[in-house]
Amino acid sequence: MPVLQISRQPDALAWFDTVKGRSVLAAEQQVIGAAFAARPARQPWLWLASAFTSQSDREPALAAPPGSVLLRPFRDRYTGSIQCTLPLPLADESVGNLIVQHVLDDEREGLLEECERVLEPGGRLWLFALNPWSPYRARWCRSGLAARDAHYWHLRLRRLGLQPCDSDVAYLGPVWRPAAAVPRVPSRLRVACVMEVEKRTAALVPPAPVGRHWQAGAATA
């Protein structure tokens, strides 16, 4: 489907720092907390957030596992645990699991590819994105953000070798107004969707055993 907003504003992600945007992030905290609890990793987590839900720009309200790297985009740079640009100053396959929380909703380029590079095989990535079918889109329609549907994200993720896990796309958050009680409505009308994918590598095929061919003949002295 077409993008809701074509032009990218340098500060489009600042919308998540507003009351309307923070309501979206707050609705996702339970899912992120469950991911932290369910997937203890030998290697650090990387949490990329469009905004943190506390007053500090460096620390989110939800405690990340020890050793996690927390980054927030600001224009073409990233701030938080470290200050950097792309490519991320992280070694290949050095991250155990990844949270990508709306940092791609401004159509920034190169970041998803970097996420695949730093994620270890068997590691998982949770991608949170705005839902273009939600009535809540009226709250962000002039912010410069661009919403894509889940099918678009699944295609991009698969091209990078990131395969969906058993669970399907989940929809969460408000439908009409921030912090409003949500009536019984189809889940696809909620403001955000989340996809859980895993980095899988092709299994190595062992070489075929080499048969031994014995040549009949007289033994030499």
C-alpha atoms as a PDB file:
ATOM      1  CA  MET A   1       0.000   0.000   0.000  1.00  0.00           C
ATOM      2  CA  PRO A   2       1.214   3.599  -0.457  1.00  0.00           C
ATOM      3  CA  VAL A   3       3.080   5.318   2.326  1.00  0.00           C
ATOM      4  CA  LEU A   4       0.952   7.720   4.362  1.00  0.00           C
ATOM      5  CA  GLN A   5       3.665  10.366   4.395  1.00  0.00           C
ATOM      6  CA  ILE A   6       6.164  10.506   1.572  1.00  0.00           C
ATOM      7  CA  SER A   7       8.475  13.295   2.703  1.00  0.00           C
ATOM      8  CA  ARG A   8      10.745  12.512   5.622  1.00  0.00           C
ATOM      9  CA  GLN A   9      11.259  15.272   8.143  1.00  0.00           C
ATOM     10  CA  PRO A  10      14.545  15.193  10.075  1.00  0.00           C
ATOM     11  CA  ASP A  11      12.688  15.242  13.399  1.00  0.00           C
ATOM     12  CA  ALA A  12       9.736  13.020  12.482  1.00  0.00           C
ATOM     13  CA  LEU A  13      10.490  10.601  15.315  1.00  0.00           C
ATOM     14  CA  ALA A  14      10.061  13.474  17.784  1.00  0.00           C
ATOM     15  CA  TRP A  15       6.335  12.689  17.579  1.00  0.00           C
ATOM     16  CA  PHE A  16       6.979   9.765  19.932  1.00  0.00           C
ATOM     17  CA  ASP A  17       8.058  12.297  22.569  1.00  0.00           C
ATOM     18  CA  THR A  18       4.546  13.798  22.583  1.00  0.00           C
ATOM     19  CA  VAL A  19       1.625  12.633  24.713  1.00  0.00           C
ATOM     20  CA  LYS A  20       0.116  10.913  21.681  1.00  0.00           C
ATOM     21  CA  GLY A  21       3.351   9.130  20.849  1.00  0.00           C
ATOM     22  CA  ARG A  22       4.252   8.129  24.392  1.00  0.00           C
ATOM     23  CA  SER A  23       0.891   6.413  24.697  1.00  0.00           C
ATOM     24  CA  VAL A  24       2.010   4.101  21.890  1.00  0.00           C
ATOM     25  CA  LEU A  25       5.362   3.320  23.523  1.00  0.00           C
ATOM     26  CA  ALA A  26       3.766   2.707  26.919  1.00  0.00           C
ATOM     27  CA  ALA A  27       1.430   0.107  25.407  1.00  0.00           C
ATOM     28  CA  GLU A  28       4.469  -1.822  24.168  1.00  0.00           C
ATOM     29  CA  GLN A  29       6.353  -2.044  27.461  1.00  0.00           C
ATOM     30  CA  GLN A  30       4.720  -5.314  28.515  1.00  0.00           C
ATOM     31  CA  VAL A  31       5.747  -7.045  25.281  1.00  0.00           C
ATOM     32  CA  ILE A  32       9.322  -5.783  25.611  1.00  0.00           C
ATOM     33  CA  GLY A  33       9.516  -6.841  29.248  1.00  0.00           C
ATOM     34  CA  ALA A  34       8.270 -10.326  28.348  1.00  0.00           C
ATOM     35  CA  ALA A  35      10.912 -10.561  25.624  1.00  0.00           C
ATOM     36  CA  PHE A  36      13.664  -9.669  28.100  1.00  0.00           C
ATOM     37  CA  ALA A  37      12.438 -12.360  30.491  1.00  0.00           C
ATOM     38  CA  ALA A  38      11.939 -15.069  27.876  1.00  0.00           C
ATOM     39  CA  ARG A  39      15.196 -14.663  25.963  1.00  0.00           C
ATOM     40  CA  PRO A  40      18.196 -14.405  28.265  1.00  0.00           C
ATOM     41  CA  ALA A  41      21.206 -14.013  26.007  1.00  0.00           C
ATOM     42  CA  ARG A  42      24.895 -14.681  26.433  1.00  0.00           C
ATOM     43  CA  GLN A  43      25.563 -11.560  24.406  1.00  0.00           C
ATOM     44  CA  PRO A  44      24.175  -8.037  25.027  1.00  0.00           C
ATOM     45  CA  TRP A  45      20.781  -6.831  23.901  1.00  0.00           C
ATOM     46  CA  LEU A  46      20.484  -3.877  21.535  1.00  0.00           C
ATOM     47  CA  TRP A  47      17.417  -1.677  22.097  1.00  0.00           C
ATOM     48  CA  LEU A  48      16.726   0.926  19.430  1.00  0.00           C
ATOM     49  CA  ALA A  49      13.887   3.189  20.568  1.00  0.00           C
ATOM     50  CA  SER A  50      12.305   6.209  18.899  1.00  0.00           C
ATOM     51  CA  ALA A  51      11.937   7.719  22.387  1.00  0.00           C
ATOM     52  CA  PHE A  52      12.425   6.531  25.952  1.00  0.00           C
ATOM     53  CA  THR A  53       9.431   6.587  28.263  1.00  0.00           C
ATOM     54  CA  SER A  54      11.177   8.212  31.241  1.00  0.00           C
ATOM     55  CA  GLN A  55      12.329  11.799  31.626  1.00  0.00           C
ATOM     56  CA  SER A  56      15.890  10.837  30.740  1.00  0.00           C
ATOM     57  CA  ASP A  57      16.984  10.608  27.123  1.00  0.00           C
ATOM     58  CA  ARG A  58      19.445   7.891  28.085  1.00  0.00           C
ATOM     59  CA  GLU A  59      17.436   5.471  30.194  1.00  0.00           C
ATOM     60  CA  PRO A  60      13.992   3.926  29.508  1.00  0.00           C
ATOM     61  CA  ALA A  61      11.436   3.352  32.242  1.00  0.00           C
ATOM     62  CA  LEU A  62      11.697  -0.407  31.679  1.00  0.00           C
ATOM     63  CA  ALA A  63      14.988  -1.888  32.872  1.00  0.00           C
ATOM     64  CA  ALA A  64      16.919  -3.622  30.105  1.00  0.00           C
ATOM     65  CA  PRO A  65      19.151  -6.638  30.842  1.00  0.00           C
ATOM     66  CA  PRO A  66      22.642  -5.810  32.162  1.00  0.00           C
ATOM     67  CA  GLY A  67      25.108  -4.886  29.449  1.00  0.00           C
ATOM     68  CA  SER A  68      22.416  -3.789  26.994  1.00  0.00           C
ATOM     69  CA  VAL A  69      23.142  -1.097  24.440  1.00  0.00           C
ATOM     70  CA  LEU A  70      20.366   1.534  24.278  1.00  0.00           C
ATOM     71  CA  LEU A  71      20.230   3.861  21.285  1.00  0.00           C
ATOM     72  CA  ARG A  72      17.840   6.554  20.140  1.00  0.00           C
ATOM     73  CA  PRO A  73      18.006   8.142  16.659  1.00  0.00           C
ATOM     74  CA  PHE A  74      18.432  11.883  16.376  1.00  0.00           C
ATOM     75  CA  ARG A  75      18.500  13.067  12.778  1.00  0.00           C
ATOM     76  CA  ASP A  76      21.239  10.976  11.154  1.00  0.00           C
ATOM     77  CA  ARG A  77      22.996  10.098  14.402  1.00  0.00           C
ATOM     78  CA  TYR A  78      22.308   7.824  17.365  1.00  0.00           C
ATOM     79  CA  THR A  79      22.595   8.760  21.022  1.00  0.00           C
ATOM     80  CA  GLY A  80      22.300   6.844  24.275  1.00  0.00           C
ATOM     81  CA  SER A  81      24.780   4.271  25.551  1.00  0.00           C
ATOM     82  CA  ILE A  82      27.144   5.447  22.816  1.00  0.00           C
ATOM     83  CA  GLN A  83      27.212   8.286  20.295  1.00  0.00           C
ATOM     84  CA  CYS A  84      27.523   7.043  16.727  1.00  0.00           C
ATOM     85  CA  THR A  85      26.405   7.020  13.127  1.00  0.00           C
ATOM     86  CA  LEU A  86      25.966   4.132  10.719  1.00  0.00           C
ATOM     87  CA  PRO A  87      27.538   1.669  10.458  1.00  0.00           C
ATOM     88  CA  LEU A  88      26.980   0.844  14.117  1.00  0.00           C
ATOM     89  CA  PRO A  89      30.277   0.462  16.021  1.00  0.00           C
ATOM     90  CA  LEU A  90      29.405  -3.127  16.942  1.00  0.00           C
ATOM     91  CA  ALA A  91      31.093  -6.277  15.701  1.00  0.00           C
ATOM     92  CA  ASP A  92      29.337  -8.744  13.419  1.00  0.00           C
ATOM     93  CA  GLU A  93      27.028 -11.126  15.320  1.00  0.00           C
ATOM     94  CA  SER A  94      27.856  -9.460  18.647  1.00  0.00           C
ATOM     95  CA  VAL A  95      24.245  -8.875  19.778  1.00  0.00           C
ATOM     96  CA  GLY A  96      22.108 -11.594  21.330  1.00  0.00           C
ATOM     97  CA  ASN A  97      18.651 -10.087  20.723  1.00  0.00           C
ATOM     98  CA  LEU A  98      17.271  -6.842  19.342  1.00  0.00           C
ATOM     99  CA  ILE A  99      14.364  -4.489  20.001  1.00  0.00           C
ATOM    100  CA  VAL A 100      13.585  -2.180  17.068  1.00  0.00           C
ATOM    101  CA  GLN A 101      10.902   0.137  18.440  1.00  0.00           C
ATOM    102  CA  HIS A 102       9.535   2.468  15.746  1.00  0.00           C
ATOM    103  CA  VAL A 103      12.970   3.714  14.674  1.00  0.00           C
ATOM    104  CA  LEU A 104      12.163   2.720  11.081  1.00  0.00           C
ATOM    105  CA  ASP A 105       8.889   4.647  10.958  1.00  0.00           C
ATOM    106  CA  ASP A 106      10.664   7.642   9.429  1.00  0.00           C
ATOM    107  CA  GLU A 107      12.011   5.486   6.552  1.00  0.00           C
ATOM    108  CA  ARG A 108      15.639   5.804   7.548  1.00  0.00           C
ATOM    109  CA  GLU A 109      17.945   3.758   5.355  1.00  0.00           C
ATOM    110  CA  GLY A 110      20.557   1.189   6.268  1.00  0.00           C
ATOM    111  CA  LEU A 111      19.524   0.545   9.867  1.00  0.00           C
ATOM    112  CA  LEU A 112      17.631  -2.712   9.356  1.00  0.00           C
ATOM    113  CA  GLU A 113      20.577  -4.128   7.423  1.00  0.00           C
ATOM    114  CA  GLU A 114      22.856  -3.158  10.307  1.00  0.00           C
ATOM    115  CA  CYS A 115      20.541  -4.932  12.733  1.00  0.00           C
ATOM    116  CA  GLU A 116      20.869  -8.138  10.739  1.00  0.00           C
ATOM    117  CA  ARG A 117      24.658  -7.769  10.649  1.00  0.00           C
ATOM    118  CA  VAL A 118      25.146  -7.413  14.404  1.00  0.00           C
ATOM    119  CA  LEU A 119      22.554 -10.045  15.407  1.00  0.00           C
ATOM    120  CA  GLU A 120      23.994 -13.450  16.232  1.00  0.00           C
ATOM    121  CA  PRO A 121      22.612 -16.594  14.532  1.00  0.00           C
ATOM    122  CA  GLY A 122      19.647 -17.821  16.541  1.00  0.00           C
ATOM    123  CA  GLY A 123      19.106 -14.343  17.967  1.00  0.00           C
ATOM    124  CA  ARG A 124      15.690 -12.734  17.765  1.00  0.00           C
ATOM    125  CA  LEU A 125      14.490  -9.321  16.704  1.00  0.00           C
ATOM    126  CA  TRP A 126      11.235  -7.634  17.736  1.00  0.00           C
ATOM    127  CA  LEU A 127      10.127  -5.021  15.214  1.00  0.00           C
ATOM    128  CA  PHE A 128       7.513  -2.483  16.338  1.00  0.00           C
ATOM    129  CA  ALA A 129       5.907  -0.376  13.618  1.00  0.00           C
ATOM    130  CA  LEU A 130       2.940   1.944  13.200  1.00  0.00           C
ATOM    131  CA  ASN A 131      -0.181   0.341  11.766  1.00  0.00           C
ATOM    132  CA  PRO A 132      -1.425   2.242   8.684  1.00  0.00           C
ATOM    133  CA  TRP A 133      -4.930   0.794   9.108  1.00  0.00           C
ATOM    134  CA  SER A 134      -5.482   2.210  12.596  1.00  0.00           C
ATOM    135  CA  PRO A 135      -7.795   5.215  13.124  1.00  0.00           C
ATOM    136  CA  TYR A 136      -5.002   6.499  15.375  1.00  0.00           C
ATOM    137  CA  ARG A 137      -3.108   7.457  12.194  1.00  0.00           C
ATOM    138  CA  ALA A 138      -4.898  10.801  12.395  1.00  0.00           C
ATOM    139  CA  ARG A 139      -2.627  11.557  15.383  1.00  0.00           C
ATOM    140  CA  TRP A 140       0.608  11.188  13.390  1.00  0.00           C
ATOM    141  CA  CYS A 141      -0.471  11.986   9.818  1.00  0.00           C
ATOM    142  CA  ARG A 142       1.274  15.384   9.740  1.00  0.00           C
ATOM    143  CA  SER A 143       4.378  14.395  11.665  1.00  0.00           C
ATOM    144  CA  GLY A 144       6.402  13.140   8.715  1.00  0.00           C
ATOM    145  CA  LEU A 145       6.193   9.511   9.844  1.00  0.00           C
ATOM    146  CA  ALA A 146       5.505   6.778   7.303  1.00  0.00           C
ATOM    147  CA  ALA A 147       3.450   3.703   8.203  1.00  0.00           C
ATOM    148  CA  ARG A 148       3.817   0.425   6.328  1.00  0.00           C
ATOM    149  CA  ASP A 149       1.739  -2.698   6.789  1.00  0.00           C
ATOM    150  CA  ALA A 150       2.978  -5.964   8.276  1.00  0.00           C
ATOM    151  CA  HIS A 151       3.270  -7.646   4.870  1.00  0.00           C
ATOM    152  CA  TYR A 152       5.804  -5.029   3.765  1.00  0.00           C
ATOM    153  CA  TRP A 153       7.917  -5.588   6.868  1.00  0.00           C
ATOM    154  CA  HIS A 154       7.783  -9.365   6.566  1.00  0.00           C
ATOM    155  CA  LEU A 155       9.113  -9.133   3.006  1.00  0.00           C
ATOM    156  CA  ARG A 156      11.989  -6.890   4.057  1.00  0.00           C
ATOM    157  CA  LEU A 157      12.868  -9.089   6.997  1.00  0.00           C
ATOM    158  CA  ARG A 158      12.800 -12.285   4.941  1.00  0.00           C
ATOM    159  CA  ARG A 159      15.126 -10.784   2.345  1.00  0.00           C
ATOM    160  CA  LEU A 160      17.664 -10.316   5.134  1.00  0.00           C
ATOM    161  CA  GLY A 161      17.322 -13.900   6.334  1.00  0.00           C
ATOM    162  CA  LEU A 162      15.168 -12.987   9.336  1.00  0.00           C
ATOM    163  CA  GLN A 163      12.372 -15.533   9.552  1.00  0.00           C
ATOM    164  CA  PRO A 164       9.066 -15.181  11.433  1.00  0.00           C
ATOM    165  CA  CYS A 165       8.730 -17.124  14.666  1.00  0.00           C
ATOM    166  CA  ASP A 166       5.702 -19.236  15.536  1.00  0.00           C
ATOM    167  CA  SER A 167       3.606 -16.287  16.682  1.00  0.00           C
ATOM    168  CA  ASP A 168       1.837 -14.186  14.066  1.00  0.00           C
ATOM    169  CA  VAL A 169       1.786 -10.393  13.916  1.00  0.00           C
ATOM    170  CA  ALA A 170       0.385  -8.891  17.118  1.00  0.00           C
ATOM    171  CA  TYR A 171      -1.459  -5.567  17.278  1.00  0.00           C
ATOM    172  CA  LEU A 172      -1.484  -3.429  20.394  1.00  0.00           C
ATOM    173  CA  GLY A 173      -2.022   0.052  21.760  1.00  0.00           C
ATOM    174  CA  PRO A 174      -4.870   2.559  21.533  1.00  0.00           C
ATOM    175  CA  VAL A 175      -7.320   2.788  18.650  1.00  0.00           C
ATOM    176  CA  TRP A 176      -8.748   6.311  18.777  1.00  0.00           C
ATOM    177  CA  ARG A 177      -7.299   8.383  21.632  1.00  0.00           C
ATOM    178  CA  PRO A 178      -4.253   8.158  23.924  1.00  0.00           C
ATOM    179  CA  ALA A 179      -4.842   6.247  27.160  1.00  0.00           C
ATOM    180  CA  ALA A 180      -8.486   5.652  26.269  1.00  0.00           C
ATOM    181  CA  ALA A 181     -10.275   2.446  27.185  1.00  0.00           C
ATOM    182  CA  VAL A 182     -10.333   0.281  24.077  1.00  0.00           C
ATOM    183  CA  PRO A 183     -13.728  -1.243  23.268  1.00  0.00           C
ATOM    184  CA  ARG A 184     -14.066  -4.597  21.611  1.00  0.00           C
ATOM    185  CA  VAL A 185     -12.799  -3.812  18.162  1.00  0.00           C
ATOM    186  CA  PRO A 186     -10.770  -5.856  15.669  1.00  0.00           C
ATOM    187  CA  SER A 187      -7.160  -6.002  16.837  1.00  0.00           C
ATOM    188  CA  ARG A 188      -5.969  -4.845  13.414  1.00  0.00           C
ATOM    189  CA  LEU A 189      -7.289  -1.375  14.237  1.00  0.00           C
ATOM    190  CA  ARG A 190      -4.810  -0.852  17.057  1.00  0.00           C
ATOM    191  CA  VAL A 191      -2.071   1.702  16.561  1.00  0.00           C
ATOM    192  CA  ALA A 192       0.989  -0.551  16.410  1.00  0.00           C
ATOM    193  CA  CYS A 193       2.048  -3.979  15.260  1.00  0.00           C
ATOM    194  CA  VAL A 194       4.933  -6.133  16.447  1.00  0.00           C
ATOM    195  CA  MET A 195       6.708  -8.937  14.609  1.00  0.00           C
ATOM    196  CA  GLU A 196       9.119 -11.420  16.188  1.00  0.00           C
ATOM    197  CA  VAL A 197      11.722 -12.873  13.831  1.00  0.00           C
ATOM    198  CA  GLU A 198      14.818 -15.025  14.187  1.00  0.00           C
ATOM    199  CA  LYS A 199      18.134 -14.966  12.368  1.00  0.00           C
ATOM    200  CA  ARG A 200      18.588 -18.377  10.839  1.00  0.00           C
ATOM    201  CA  THR A 201      21.559 -19.631   8.903  1.00  0.00           C
ATOM    202  CA  ALA A 202      21.509 -22.450   6.410  1.00  0.00           C
ATOM    203  CA  ALA A 203      22.595 -25.717   7.958  1.00  0.00           C
ATOM    204  CA  LEU A 204      25.864 -27.028   6.639  1.00  0.00           C
ATOM    205  CA  VAL A 205      25.426 -30.167   4.552  1.00  0.00           C
ATOM    206  CA  PRO A 206      28.132 -32.706   5.409  1.00  0.00           C
ATOM    207  CA  PRO A 207      30.110 -33.984   2.449  1.00  0.00           C
ATOM    208  CA  ALA A 208      29.132 -37.359   1.080  1.00  0.00           C
ATOM    209  CA  PRO A 209      31.356 -40.179   2.356  1.00  0.00           C
ATOM    210  CA  VAL A 210      34.069 -41.155  -0.064  1.00  0.00           C
ATOM    211  CA  GLY A 211      33.866 -44.811  -0.946  1.00  0.00           C
ATOM    212  CA  ARG A 212      37.027 -46.851  -0.929  1.00  0.00           C
ATOM    213  CA  HIS A 213      37.710 -48.694  -4.128  1.00  0.00           C
ATOM    214  CA  TRP A 214      40.017 -51.641  -3.641  1.00  0.00           C
ATOM    215  CA  GLN A 215      41.805 -52.790  -6.740  1.00  0.00           C
ATOM    216  CA  ALA A 216      42.087 -56.527  -7.029  1.00  0.00           C
ATOM    217  CA  GLY A 217      45.481 -57.839  -7.986  1.00  0.00           C
ATOM    218  CA  ALA A 218      48.539 -59.666  -6.816  1.00  0.00           C
ATOM    219  CA  ALA A 219      50.210 -58.267  -3.740  1.00  0.00           C
ATOM    220  CA  THR A 220      53.665 -56.938  -4.287  1.00  0.00           C
ATOM    221  CA  ALA A 221      56.516 -58.317  -2.328  1.00  0.00           C
END
